[in-house]
Structures are given as structure tokens and as C-alpha cells.
N, C-alpha and C. Protein backbone atom coordinates (compact mmCIF):
# COMPACT_ATOMS: atom_id res chain seq x y z
N UNK A 1 -1.88 -21.45 -11.81
CA UNK A 1 -2.07 -20.34 -11.24
C UNK A 1 -1.53 -19.67 -9.73
N UNK A 2 -1.08 -20.86 -9.00
CA UNK A 2 0.13 -20.70 -8.25
C UNK A 2 0.89 -20.16 -8.60
N UNK A 3 1.73 -20.35 -9.83
CA UNK A 3 2.93 -19.80 -10.33
C UNK A 3 2.97 -18.20 -10.53
N UNK A 4 1.80 -18.20 -11.04
CA UNK A 4 1.34 -16.42 -11.27
C UNK A 4 1.42 -15.82 -9.95
N UNK A 5 0.83 -16.33 -8.84
CA UNK A 5 0.70 -15.76 -7.83
C UNK A 5 2.15 -15.27 -7.14
N UNK A 6 3.14 -16.26 -7.47
CA UNK A 6 4.14 -16.19 -7.05
C UNK A 6 4.80 -15.35 -7.77
N UNK A 7 4.81 -14.60 -8.63
CA UNK A 7 5.54 -13.71 -9.63
C UNK A 7 5.39 -12.40 -9.07
N UNK A 8 6.74 -11.67 -9.26
CA UNK A 8 6.68 -10.12 -8.82
C UNK A 8 5.66 -9.32 -9.89
N UNK A 9 4.89 -8.32 -9.10
CA UNK A 9 4.04 -7.18 -9.65
C UNK A 9 4.68 -6.01 -9.71
N UNK A 10 4.74 -5.23 -10.53
CA UNK A 10 5.85 -3.58 -10.73
C UNK A 10 4.80 -2.84 -9.85
N UNK A 11 5.70 -2.60 -8.49
CA UNK A 11 5.38 -1.45 -7.48
C UNK A 11 5.19 -0.03 -8.12
N UNK A 12 6.27 0.07 -9.22
CA UNK A 12 5.65 1.16 -9.86
C UNK A 12 4.21 1.48 -10.33
N UNK A 13 3.58 0.55 -10.86
CA UNK A 13 2.67 0.94 -11.12
C UNK A 13 1.74 1.36 -9.86
N UNK A 14 1.60 0.88 -8.77
CA UNK A 14 1.17 1.08 -7.48
C UNK A 14 1.02 2.40 -7.05
N UNK A 15 2.60 3.00 -7.19
CA UNK A 15 2.67 4.55 -6.63
C UNK A 15 2.40 5.56 -7.90
N UNK A 16 2.48 4.94 -9.28
CA UNK A 16 2.05 5.64 -10.17
C UNK A 16 0.26 5.97 -10.10
N UNK A 17 -0.19 4.99 -9.89
CA UNK A 17 -1.96 5.17 -9.78
C UNK A 17 -2.19 5.87 -8.06
N UNK A 18 -1.16 5.77 -7.25
CA UNK A 18 -1.66 6.58 -5.98
C UNK A 18 -1.26 8.31 -6.48
N UNK A 19 -0.08 8.48 -7.07
CA UNK A 19 -0.08 9.43 -7.76
C UNK A 19 -0.97 10.74 -8.46
N UNK A 20 -1.64 9.60 -9.30
CA UNK A 20 -2.85 10.09 -10.20
C UNK A 20 -3.72 10.04 -9.39
N UNK A 21 -4.25 9.59 -8.37
CA UNK A 21 -5.41 9.42 -7.74
C UNK A 21 -5.20 10.98 -6.56
N UNK A 22 -4.05 11.22 -6.10
CA UNK A 22 -3.76 12.36 -5.42
C UNK A 22 -3.66 13.62 -6.06
N UNK A 23 -3.37 13.36 -7.40
CA UNK A 23 -3.66 14.29 -8.26
C UNK A 23 -4.98 14.74 -8.65
N UNK A 24 -5.84 13.85 -8.79
CA UNK A 24 -7.48 13.83 -9.26
C UNK A 24 -8.04 14.80 -8.01
N UNK A 25 -7.51 13.85 -6.75
CA UNK A 25 -8.19 14.57 -5.25
C UNK A 25 -7.68 16.01 -5.22
N UNK A 26 -6.84 16.07 -5.55
CA UNK A 26 -6.51 17.52 -5.40
C UNK A 26 -7.14 18.81 -6.30
N UNK A 27 -7.18 18.46 -7.54
CA UNK A 27 -7.70 19.15 -8.41
C UNK A 27 -9.25 19.15 -8.57
N UNK A 28 -9.60 18.54 -7.20
CA UNK A 28 -11.30 18.48 -7.20
C UNK A 28 -11.80 19.68 -6.95
N UNK A 29 -12.86 19.90 -7.32
CA UNK A 29 -13.52 21.38 -6.80
C UNK A 29 -15.14 21.30 -6.02
N UNK A 30 -15.37 20.16 -5.81
CA UNK A 30 -16.55 19.81 -5.36
C UNK A 30 -16.30 20.33 -3.64
N UNK A 31 -14.90 20.32 -3.28
CA UNK A 31 -14.95 20.53 -1.97
C UNK A 31 -14.73 19.27 -0.87
N UNK A 32 -15.67 18.52 -1.41
CA UNK A 32 -15.97 17.45 -0.33
C UNK A 32 -15.48 15.91 -0.97
N UNK A 33 -14.67 15.43 -0.65
CA UNK A 33 -14.63 14.03 -1.13
C UNK A 33 -14.81 12.77 -0.73
N UNK A 34 -14.89 11.98 -1.34
CA UNK A 34 -15.73 10.65 -1.02
C UNK A 34 -14.32 9.61 -0.59
N UNK A 35 -14.03 9.55 0.19
CA UNK A 35 -12.63 8.94 0.15
C UNK A 35 -13.13 7.31 -0.45
N UNK A 36 -14.32 6.39 0.22
CA UNK A 36 -14.71 5.15 -0.21
C UNK A 36 -14.86 4.95 -1.94
N UNK A 37 -15.29 6.34 -2.27
CA UNK A 37 -15.52 6.17 -3.72
C UNK A 37 -13.78 6.37 -4.34
N UNK A 38 -13.03 7.21 -4.10
CA UNK A 38 -11.90 7.53 -4.41
C UNK A 38 -10.77 6.06 -4.45
N UNK A 39 -11.15 5.31 -3.28
CA UNK A 39 -10.19 3.93 -2.99
C UNK A 39 -10.90 2.89 -4.00
N UNK A 40 -12.13 2.99 -4.24
CA UNK A 40 -12.86 2.10 -5.02
C UNK A 40 -12.21 2.04 -6.53
N UNK A 41 -11.90 3.60 -6.78
CA UNK A 41 -11.79 3.83 -8.12
C UNK A 41 -9.84 3.41 -8.31
N UNK A 42 -9.64 3.82 -7.28
CA UNK A 42 -7.75 3.07 -7.31
C UNK A 42 -7.64 1.84 -7.53
N UNK A 43 -8.43 1.15 -6.47
CA UNK A 43 -8.21 -0.28 -6.57
C UNK A 43 -8.64 -1.00 -7.60
N UNK A 44 -9.77 -0.38 -8.51
CA UNK A 44 -10.35 -0.90 -10.12
C UNK A 44 -8.67 -0.72 -10.88
N UNK A 45 -8.21 0.31 -10.71
CA UNK A 45 -7.55 0.36 -11.83
C UNK A 45 -5.87 -0.08 -11.57
N UNK A 46 -5.86 -0.51 -9.72
CA UNK A 46 -4.71 -1.17 -9.40
C UNK A 46 -5.10 -2.72 -9.98
N UNK A 47 -5.87 -3.32 -9.60
CA UNK A 47 -6.10 -4.51 -10.00
C UNK A 47 -5.86 -4.61 -11.63
N UNK A 48 -6.87 -4.08 -11.92
CA UNK A 48 -6.85 -3.71 -13.58
C UNK A 48 -5.28 -4.14 -14.14
N UNK A 49 -4.27 -2.77 -13.58
CA UNK A 49 -3.09 -2.97 -14.50
C UNK A 49 -2.13 -4.29 -13.86
N UNK A 50 -2.23 -4.45 -12.75
CA UNK A 50 -1.34 -5.31 -12.01
C UNK A 50 -1.79 -6.82 -12.38
N UNK A 51 -3.22 -7.30 -12.15
CA UNK A 51 -3.90 -8.46 -12.52
C UNK A 51 -4.17 -8.74 -14.33
N UNK A 52 -4.43 -7.69 -14.81
CA UNK A 52 -4.72 -7.92 -16.00
C UNK A 52 -4.10 -7.23 -17.24
N UNK A 53 -3.32 -6.35 -16.67
CA UNK A 53 -2.49 -5.56 -17.76
C UNK A 53 -3.32 -4.58 -18.57
N UNK A 54 -4.71 -3.96 -17.61
CA UNK A 54 -5.66 -3.29 -18.44
C UNK A 54 -5.96 -2.35 -17.20
N UNK A 55 -5.75 -1.00 -17.84
CA UNK A 55 -5.84 0.16 -16.99
C UNK A 55 -7.51 0.45 -17.49
N UNK A 56 -8.33 0.42 -16.34
CA UNK A 56 -9.80 0.41 -16.64
C UNK A 56 -10.04 2.25 -16.75
N UNK A 57 -8.72 2.87 -16.40
CA UNK A 57 -9.28 4.46 -16.36
C UNK A 57 -10.00 5.04 -15.14
N UNK A 58 -10.60 4.18 -14.17
CA UNK A 58 -11.64 4.66 -13.38
C UNK A 58 -11.13 5.98 -12.48
N UNK A 59 -9.63 6.39 -12.26
CA UNK A 59 -9.18 7.19 -11.43
C UNK A 59 -9.45 8.38 -12.10
N UNK A 60 -9.31 8.55 -13.46
CA UNK A 60 -9.75 9.86 -14.17
C UNK A 60 -11.15 10.02 -14.60
N UNK A 61 -11.79 8.73 -14.75
CA UNK A 61 -13.00 8.91 -15.40
C UNK A 61 -13.84 7.64 -14.31
N UNK A 62 -14.66 8.34 -13.62
CA UNK A 62 -15.52 7.88 -12.55
C UNK A 62 -16.64 7.13 -13.02
N UNK A 63 -17.23 7.73 -14.53
CA UNK A 63 -18.31 7.73 -15.03
C UNK A 63 -17.89 6.78 -16.33
N UNK A 64 -16.66 5.98 -16.38
CA UNK A 64 -16.40 5.19 -17.34
C UNK A 64 -17.37 4.01 -17.54
N UNK A 65 -17.65 3.69 -18.73
CA UNK A 65 -18.75 2.56 -18.88
C UNK A 65 -18.24 1.34 -18.22
N UNK A 66 -16.88 0.78 -17.98
CA UNK A 66 -16.81 0.17 -17.06
C UNK A 66 -16.57 -0.14 -15.64
N UNK A 67 -16.75 1.27 -15.36
CA UNK A 67 -16.93 1.50 -13.72
C UNK A 67 -18.57 1.62 -13.52
N UNK A 68 -19.12 2.28 -14.44
CA UNK A 68 -20.67 2.23 -14.33
C UNK A 68 -21.18 0.83 -14.29
N UNK A 69 -20.64 0.02 -15.19
CA UNK A 69 -21.32 -1.45 -15.47
C UNK A 69 -21.21 -2.28 -14.38
N UNK A 70 -19.67 -2.22 -13.71
CA UNK A 70 -19.41 -2.83 -12.24
C UNK A 70 -20.27 -2.19 -11.33
N UNK A 71 -20.54 -1.05 -10.97
CA UNK A 71 -21.34 -0.47 -10.24
C UNK A 71 -22.81 -1.33 -10.09
N UNK A 72 -23.55 -1.01 -11.34
CA UNK A 72 -24.48 -1.67 -11.61
C UNK A 72 -24.66 -3.35 -11.06
N UNK A 73 -23.84 -3.34 -11.51
CA UNK A 73 -23.69 -5.25 -11.32
C UNK A 73 -23.92 -5.58 -9.85
N UNK A 74 -22.83 -4.81 -9.04
CA UNK A 74 -22.84 -4.89 -7.39
C UNK A 74 -23.98 -4.41 -6.86
N UNK A 75 -24.16 -3.56 -7.37
CA UNK A 75 -25.47 -3.11 -6.59
C UNK A 75 -26.86 -4.23 -6.50
N UNK A 76 -26.72 -4.51 -7.91
CA UNK A 76 -28.07 -5.41 -8.32
C UNK A 76 -28.21 -6.75 -7.41
N UNK A 77 -26.67 -7.24 -7.47
CA UNK A 77 -26.36 -8.47 -6.40
C UNK A 77 -26.30 -8.42 -5.25
N UNK A 78 -26.41 -6.99 -4.81
CA UNK A 78 -26.12 -7.00 -3.07
C UNK A 78 -27.64 -6.33 -2.83
N UNK A 79 -28.76 -6.53 -3.45
CA UNK A 79 -29.89 -6.11 -3.13
C UNK A 79 -30.20 -6.75 -1.97
N UNK A 80 -30.65 -5.89 -0.90
CA UNK A 80 -30.98 -6.56 0.53
C UNK A 80 -31.84 -7.33 0.66
N UNK A 81 -33.03 -7.04 -0.11
CA UNK A 81 -34.12 -7.74 -0.19
C UNK A 81 -33.93 -9.47 -0.45
N UNK A 82 -33.09 -9.83 -1.73
CA UNK A 82 -32.79 -11.16 -2.26
C UNK A 82 -31.77 -11.50 -1.58
N UNK A 83 -30.79 -10.77 -0.75
CA UNK A 83 -30.05 -11.49 0.01
C UNK A 83 -30.47 -11.93 1.42
N UNK A 84 -31.43 -11.31 1.98
CA UNK A 84 -32.12 -11.91 2.96
C UNK A 84 -33.27 -13.13 2.41
N UNK A 85 -33.91 -12.66 1.57
CA UNK A 85 -34.86 -13.54 1.08
C UNK A 85 -34.99 -14.23 -0.32
N UNK A 86 -33.28 -15.05 -0.24
CA UNK A 86 -33.25 -15.44 -1.68
C UNK A 86 -34.25 -16.21 -2.55
N UNK A 87 -35.09 -16.70 -1.46
CA UNK A 87 -36.06 -17.50 -2.43
C UNK A 87 -36.90 -16.71 -3.59
N UNK A 88 -37.09 -15.27 -3.03
CA UNK A 88 -38.10 -14.54 -4.12
C UNK A 88 -37.10 -14.41 -5.45
N UNK A 89 -35.90 -14.63 -5.61
CA UNK A 89 -35.17 -14.73 -6.91
C UNK A 89 -35.63 -15.86 -7.92
N UNK A 90 -36.53 -17.06 -6.95
CA UNK A 90 -37.41 -17.91 -7.85
C UNK A 90 -38.63 -17.28 -8.45
N UNK A 91 -39.13 -16.40 -7.55
CA UNK A 91 -40.39 -15.69 -7.78
C UNK A 91 -40.32 -14.67 -8.65
N UNK A 92 -39.48 -13.87 -8.25
CA UNK A 92 -39.13 -12.75 -9.34
C UNK A 92 -37.66 -12.95 -9.85
N UNK A 93 -37.45 -13.43 -11.20
CA UNK A 93 -35.74 -13.70 -11.28
C UNK A 93 -35.05 -12.08 -11.50
N UNK A 94 -33.88 -12.31 -11.48
CA UNK A 94 -33.14 -10.41 -11.41
C UNK A 94 -32.78 -11.25 -12.80
N UNK A 95 -33.42 -10.58 -13.60
CA UNK A 95 -33.05 -10.52 -15.16
C UNK A 95 -32.05 -9.44 -15.50
N UNK A 96 -32.02 -8.32 -14.89
CA UNK A 96 -31.00 -7.54 -15.11
C UNK A 96 -29.89 -7.61 -14.55
N UNK A 97 -30.06 -8.24 -13.39
CA UNK A 97 -28.48 -8.98 -12.54
C UNK A 97 -28.17 -9.62 -13.53
N UNK A 98 -28.78 -10.74 -13.99
CA UNK A 98 -28.04 -11.70 -15.01
C UNK A 98 -27.25 -11.30 -16.21
N UNK A 99 -28.37 -10.28 -16.58
CA UNK A 99 -27.92 -9.95 -18.05
C UNK A 99 -26.59 -8.92 -17.79
N UNK A 100 -26.46 -8.51 -16.60
CA UNK A 100 -25.39 -7.71 -16.30
C UNK A 100 -24.10 -8.60 -15.93
N UNK A 101 -24.09 -9.17 -15.38
CA UNK A 101 -23.00 -10.24 -15.19
C UNK A 101 -22.74 -11.31 -16.33
N UNK A 102 -23.77 -11.29 -17.12
CA UNK A 102 -23.24 -12.02 -18.84
C UNK A 102 -22.40 -11.02 -19.46
N UNK A 103 -22.83 -9.50 -19.07
CA UNK A 103 -22.18 -8.49 -19.83
C UNK A 103 -20.93 -8.45 -19.04
N UNK A 104 -20.70 -8.34 -18.02
CA UNK A 104 -19.09 -8.54 -17.53
C UNK A 104 -18.47 -9.64 -17.79
N UNK A 105 -18.97 -10.68 -17.88
CA UNK A 105 -18.16 -11.85 -18.32
C UNK A 105 -17.73 -11.70 -19.59
N UNK A 106 -18.49 -11.39 -20.77
CA UNK A 106 -18.06 -10.90 -22.15
C UNK A 106 -17.08 -9.59 -22.04
N UNK A 107 -16.84 -8.76 -21.17
CA UNK A 107 -16.11 -7.67 -20.76
C UNK A 107 -14.44 -8.54 -20.52
N UNK A 108 -14.45 -9.40 -19.34
CA UNK A 108 -13.44 -9.97 -19.15
C UNK A 108 -13.24 -11.15 -20.27
N UNK A 109 -13.93 -11.69 -21.12
CA UNK A 109 -13.60 -12.93 -22.56
C UNK A 109 -12.96 -11.82 -23.39
N UNK A 110 -13.25 -10.68 -23.44
CA UNK A 110 -12.49 -9.46 -24.39
C UNK A 110 -11.17 -9.08 -24.12
N UNK A 111 -10.82 -8.92 -22.54
CA UNK A 111 -9.75 -8.46 -22.21
C UNK A 111 -8.99 -9.98 -22.26
N UNK A 112 -9.35 -11.32 -21.98
CA UNK A 112 -8.66 -12.41 -22.09
C UNK A 112 -8.08 -12.33 -23.51
N UNK A 113 -8.86 -12.16 -24.51
CA UNK A 113 -8.33 -12.39 -25.90
C UNK A 113 -7.43 -11.40 -26.25
N UNK A 114 -7.60 -10.01 -25.82
CA UNK A 114 -6.64 -8.99 -25.91
C UNK A 114 -5.19 -9.26 -25.28
N UNK A 115 -5.31 -10.18 -23.92
CA UNK A 115 -3.75 -10.29 -23.58
C UNK A 115 -3.47 -11.71 -24.32
N UNK A 116 -4.08 -12.25 -24.91
CA UNK A 116 -3.44 -13.30 -25.67
C UNK A 116 -2.50 -12.75 -26.55
N UNK A 117 -3.06 -11.72 -27.26
CA UNK A 117 -2.27 -11.41 -28.03
C UNK A 117 -0.93 -10.37 -27.63
N UNK A 118 -1.25 -9.23 -26.57
CA UNK A 118 -0.44 -8.59 -26.32
C UNK A 118 -0.04 -8.87 -24.50
N UNK A 119 0.92 -9.92 -24.47
CA UNK A 119 1.48 -10.08 -23.21
C UNK A 119 1.97 -8.97 -22.33
N UNK A 120 1.98 -8.93 -20.96
CA UNK A 120 2.69 -7.74 -20.41
C UNK A 120 3.21 -8.87 -19.08
N UNK A 121 3.79 -7.85 -17.93
CA UNK A 121 4.43 -7.85 -16.90
C UNK A 121 2.80 -8.11 -15.72
N UNK A 122 2.01 -8.99 -16.07
CA UNK A 122 0.80 -9.01 -15.18
C UNK A 122 0.53 -10.45 -14.60
N UNK A 123 -0.56 -10.51 -13.90
CA UNK A 123 -0.66 -11.90 -13.50
C UNK A 123 -1.63 -12.88 -14.61
N UNK A 124 -2.23 -12.06 -15.31
CA UNK A 124 -2.98 -12.79 -16.45
C UNK A 124 -1.74 -13.59 -17.45
N UNK A 125 -0.78 -12.43 -17.64
CA UNK A 125 -0.18 -13.26 -18.72
C UNK A 125 0.60 -14.16 -18.17
N UNK A 126 1.11 -14.24 -16.58
CA UNK A 126 1.44 -15.39 -15.95
C UNK A 126 0.74 -16.47 -15.94
N UNK A 127 -0.72 -16.49 -15.83
CA UNK A 127 -1.73 -17.48 -15.85
C UNK A 127 -1.35 -18.07 -17.35
N UNK A 128 -1.36 -17.46 -18.40
CA UNK A 128 -1.41 -17.45 -19.81
C UNK A 128 -0.17 -18.53 -20.13
N UNK A 129 1.00 -18.40 -19.22
CA UNK A 129 1.70 -19.17 -19.26
C UNK A 129 1.96 -20.81 -19.29
N UNK A 130 0.79 -20.94 -18.06
CA UNK A 130 0.65 -22.78 -17.69
C UNK A 130 -0.50 -23.09 -18.60
N UNK A 131 0.22 -23.89 -19.21
CA UNK A 131 -1.11 -24.74 -20.16
C UNK A 131 -2.04 -25.52 -19.27
N UNK A 132 -3.24 -26.23 -19.66
CA UNK A 132 -4.12 -26.90 -19.45
C UNK A 132 -5.30 -26.02 -18.81
N UNK A 133 -5.54 -24.80 -19.09
CA UNK A 133 -6.57 -24.75 -18.32
C UNK A 133 -7.71 -24.05 -19.90
N UNK A 134 -8.71 -24.10 -19.89
CA UNK A 134 -9.76 -23.54 -20.68
C UNK A 134 -9.98 -22.01 -20.63
N UNK A 135 -10.40 -21.66 -21.49
CA UNK A 135 -10.55 -20.03 -22.02
C UNK A 135 -11.34 -19.22 -20.42
N UNK A 136 -12.49 -20.77 -20.37
CA UNK A 136 -13.78 -20.28 -19.27
C UNK A 136 -12.88 -20.14 -18.06
N UNK A 137 -12.01 -21.01 -17.82
CA UNK A 137 -11.47 -21.24 -16.60
C UNK A 137 -10.46 -20.31 -16.14
N UNK A 138 -9.66 -19.49 -17.36
CA UNK A 138 -8.89 -18.19 -17.42
C UNK A 138 -10.20 -16.89 -17.12
N UNK A 139 -10.93 -17.07 -17.83
CA UNK A 139 -11.80 -15.74 -17.64
C UNK A 139 -12.49 -15.99 -16.03
N UNK A 140 -12.74 -17.15 -15.73
CA UNK A 140 -13.12 -17.12 -14.08
C UNK A 140 -12.26 -16.71 -13.31
N UNK A 141 -11.37 -17.48 -13.33
CA UNK A 141 -9.77 -16.89 -12.56
C UNK A 141 -9.69 -15.43 -12.42
N UNK A 142 -9.58 -14.57 -13.62
CA UNK A 142 -9.48 -13.36 -13.59
C UNK A 142 -10.62 -12.56 -12.73
N UNK A 143 -12.04 -13.12 -12.95
CA UNK A 143 -13.08 -12.36 -11.84
C UNK A 143 -12.68 -12.61 -11.06
N UNK A 144 -12.57 -13.73 -10.40
CA UNK A 144 -12.20 -13.89 -9.00
C UNK A 144 -11.03 -12.84 -8.47
N UNK A 145 -10.05 -12.96 -9.30
CA UNK A 145 -8.78 -12.23 -8.51
C UNK A 145 -9.30 -10.71 -8.76
N UNK A 146 -10.00 -10.38 -9.89
CA UNK A 146 -10.70 -8.86 -9.69
C UNK A 146 -11.50 -8.47 -8.65
N UNK A 147 -12.49 -9.29 -8.44
CA UNK A 147 -13.10 -8.92 -7.27
C UNK A 147 -12.75 -8.91 -5.95
N UNK A 148 -12.01 -10.32 -5.70
CA UNK A 148 -11.22 -10.42 -4.40
C UNK A 148 -10.25 -9.50 -4.06
N UNK A 149 -9.40 -9.06 -5.20
CA UNK A 149 -8.60 -8.10 -5.18
C UNK A 149 -8.83 -6.42 -4.84
N UNK A 150 -10.16 -6.42 -5.83
CA UNK A 150 -10.72 -4.81 -5.51
C UNK A 150 -11.62 -4.39 -4.28
N UNK A 151 -12.01 -5.59 -4.02
CA UNK A 151 -13.26 -5.26 -2.74
C UNK A 151 -12.35 -5.19 -1.29
N UNK A 152 -11.49 -6.40 -1.00
CA UNK A 152 -10.64 -6.43 -0.17
C UNK A 152 -9.56 -5.34 0.21
N UNK A 153 -8.79 -5.09 -1.09
CA UNK A 153 -8.44 -3.86 -1.21
C UNK A 153 -8.67 -2.47 -0.91
N UNK A 154 -9.98 -2.19 -1.17
CA UNK A 154 -10.74 -0.89 -0.83
C UNK A 154 -11.23 -0.81 0.07
N UNK A 155 -11.89 -2.06 0.78
CA UNK A 155 -12.29 -1.89 2.12
C UNK A 155 -11.13 -2.06 3.17
N UNK A 156 -9.77 -2.20 3.20
CA UNK A 156 -8.65 -2.52 3.83
C UNK A 156 -8.12 -0.89 3.89
N UNK A 157 -8.32 -0.26 2.51
CA UNK A 157 -7.95 1.31 2.57
C UNK A 157 -8.35 1.86 3.29
N UNK A 158 -9.88 1.77 3.10
CA UNK A 158 -10.97 2.45 3.80
C UNK A 158 -10.71 2.64 5.30
N UNK A 159 -10.62 1.15 6.00
CA UNK A 159 -10.50 1.12 7.20
C UNK A 159 -8.99 1.86 8.07
N UNK A 160 -8.17 1.37 6.85
CA UNK A 160 -6.69 2.19 7.33
C UNK A 160 -6.92 3.86 7.57
N UNK A 161 -7.62 4.05 6.49
CA UNK A 161 -7.74 5.71 6.94
C UNK A 161 -8.42 5.93 7.89
N UNK A 162 -9.85 5.29 8.21
CA UNK A 162 -10.26 5.58 9.22
C UNK A 162 -9.88 5.30 10.52
N UNK A 163 -8.60 4.39 11.13
CA UNK A 163 -8.23 4.18 12.38
C UNK A 163 -6.98 5.48 12.15
N UNK A 164 -6.46 5.71 10.92
CA UNK A 164 -5.19 6.48 11.25
C UNK A 164 -5.69 8.28 11.76
N UNK A 165 -6.96 8.22 11.06
CA UNK A 165 -7.57 9.47 11.57
C UNK A 165 -8.15 9.26 12.93
N UNK A 166 -8.33 7.99 13.41
CA UNK A 166 -8.94 7.88 14.60
C UNK A 166 -7.52 7.66 15.78
N UNK A 167 -6.40 7.56 15.37
CA UNK A 167 -5.32 7.72 16.34
C UNK A 167 -3.97 8.08 15.58
N UNK A 168 -4.33 9.85 15.53
CA UNK A 168 -3.08 10.54 15.16
C UNK A 168 -1.73 10.08 15.33
N UNK A 169 -1.85 10.04 16.59
CA UNK A 169 -0.21 9.74 17.27
C UNK A 169 0.14 8.21 16.26
N UNK A 170 -0.51 7.39 15.63
CA UNK A 170 0.01 6.07 15.05
C UNK A 170 -0.09 7.04 13.63
N UNK A 171 -0.87 7.62 13.26
CA UNK A 171 -0.63 8.09 11.90
C UNK A 171 0.90 9.08 11.72
N UNK A 172 1.21 9.94 12.84
CA UNK A 172 2.33 10.51 13.00
C UNK A 172 3.42 9.35 12.85
N UNK A 173 3.41 8.08 13.48
CA UNK A 173 4.62 7.33 13.40
C UNK A 173 4.88 6.83 12.23
N UNK A 174 3.41 6.28 11.79
CA UNK A 174 3.53 5.66 10.30
C UNK A 174 4.52 6.71 9.37
N UNK A 175 3.82 7.52 9.43
CA UNK A 175 4.42 8.84 8.67
C UNK A 175 6.15 9.07 8.91
N UNK A 176 6.58 8.99 9.84
CA UNK A 176 7.81 9.14 10.22
C UNK A 176 8.51 8.22 9.76
N UNK A 177 7.69 6.58 10.01
CA UNK A 177 8.52 5.30 9.47
C UNK A 177 8.45 5.31 8.11
N UNK A 178 7.51 5.83 7.11
CA UNK A 178 7.82 6.21 5.42
C UNK A 178 8.99 7.23 5.14
N UNK A 179 8.59 8.28 5.84
CA UNK A 179 9.60 9.34 5.41
C UNK A 179 11.41 8.79 5.70
N UNK A 180 11.34 7.91 6.70
CA UNK A 180 12.85 7.60 7.51
C UNK A 180 13.12 6.61 5.92
N UNK A 181 11.92 5.38 5.22
CA UNK A 181 12.44 4.44 4.37
C UNK A 181 12.65 5.20 2.99
N UNK A 182 11.84 6.25 2.71
CA UNK A 182 12.05 6.99 1.60
C UNK A 182 13.03 7.70 1.65
N UNK A 183 13.97 8.19 2.43
CA UNK A 183 15.11 9.07 2.57
C UNK A 183 15.91 8.66 1.22
N UNK A 184 16.22 9.82 0.79
CA UNK A 184 17.13 9.32 -0.30
C UNK A 184 16.76 9.31 -1.59
N UNK A 185 15.24 9.01 -1.71
CA UNK A 185 14.59 8.74 -2.53
C UNK A 185 14.46 9.68 -3.63
N UNK A 186 14.92 9.80 -4.91
CA UNK A 186 14.85 10.84 -5.84
C UNK A 186 13.47 10.97 -6.87
N UNK A 187 12.52 9.85 -6.55
CA UNK A 187 11.63 10.03 -7.32
C UNK A 187 10.03 11.07 -6.90
N UNK A 188 10.54 11.66 -5.60
CA UNK A 188 9.54 12.67 -5.28
C UNK A 188 9.36 12.61 -3.68
N UNK A 189 8.22 12.87 -3.37
CA UNK A 189 8.00 13.25 -1.76
C UNK A 189 7.27 11.92 -1.43
N UNK A 190 7.51 11.71 -0.04
CA UNK A 190 6.62 10.55 0.31
C UNK A 190 5.11 10.35 0.34
């Protein structure tokens, strides 16, 4: 896994997904955008493409089966009652949560099997190059990368946006730095 972490992932994937996200946001007809929802969808696709070589298409379809399933599992395991009173789980087993987790593990196992047949430029492919791990260990590492990469990135994007909005002078300075760094870039506007 260490070697996989040291390899380069394609930055073009991140910028392509960002452009896709901005396009979806621009075409929204609701008038009100939920930034947390959009960052969650962006990070699902970003982690999916770079870590697993699989686009979950969360940006385009916020109601895709994977996104919906992921939301259900995360909501059920973060139920405040069971978080504050974990012993209740022994009295009232969370069978839906457990089944949802098993279903997600099945989805990740399917992705692993697919990746064995179709290698790419992603962390999972790099991990598969390391001998000595079982399929369960590969799958479990995928889950860890997925959850850690998704939740932390979505939270960081939300915090960044909040603070840039709170401090417009910092926002202007950051924008100027990006424009300076992108000067001469022919791939589009920064």
C-alpha cells in the first residue's frame, strides 16, 4: 500500500471533475445550491476515479444507486442515539445498518474484481501490483481510502469555501495567485 500512496495520480481527473461540477451547478434551476451536497458529490467521483479507477457519476446523478446507498449507510451508522448510547445496539440491533454495510462491501468487492481485469492509473491498480495481500485486505483498504478520502476532502472543501467567504481579501489574494499560476494555460479559464 505504501508504494501505491507514493505514485502520481492524474491531476487532469480533478480538474475535469471540477469543470463538470461547475457545469452542473451553473445549469441548476433550483436557484439555491447546497455546497455541502456538491462537494460530497465531487469528492465521491474524485476519490472513485483516482483511488479506484471508477467514476460513481455522483456529480451528474445525485440519486444514483451508489450515492443513495452510501447516504443510507452513513446516516444509519451516525445515528446520534446509538452514538451516545452504544449499548442500545445490543438491545436493538441495527440490522438495516449492518445489511447496508454488507451491501457496500459487496459493491467494493465487485469493483475490486473489475479492477483486476481492467487495470488503470489509480491507487487500486497500484495496490494490486503489491503481492501478499488477500482480496479482503484489498477491499478493506479500498473502503478506508474511500471513506477517509471522501469525508476529509468534502469537509476541507466546505471549510475552505466558508473561510474564503468570511475573508474576501484572502479570497482575492488566492484568486490572484491562481490567475498568475495559470497565466499562459491554454486549457481554459482558471
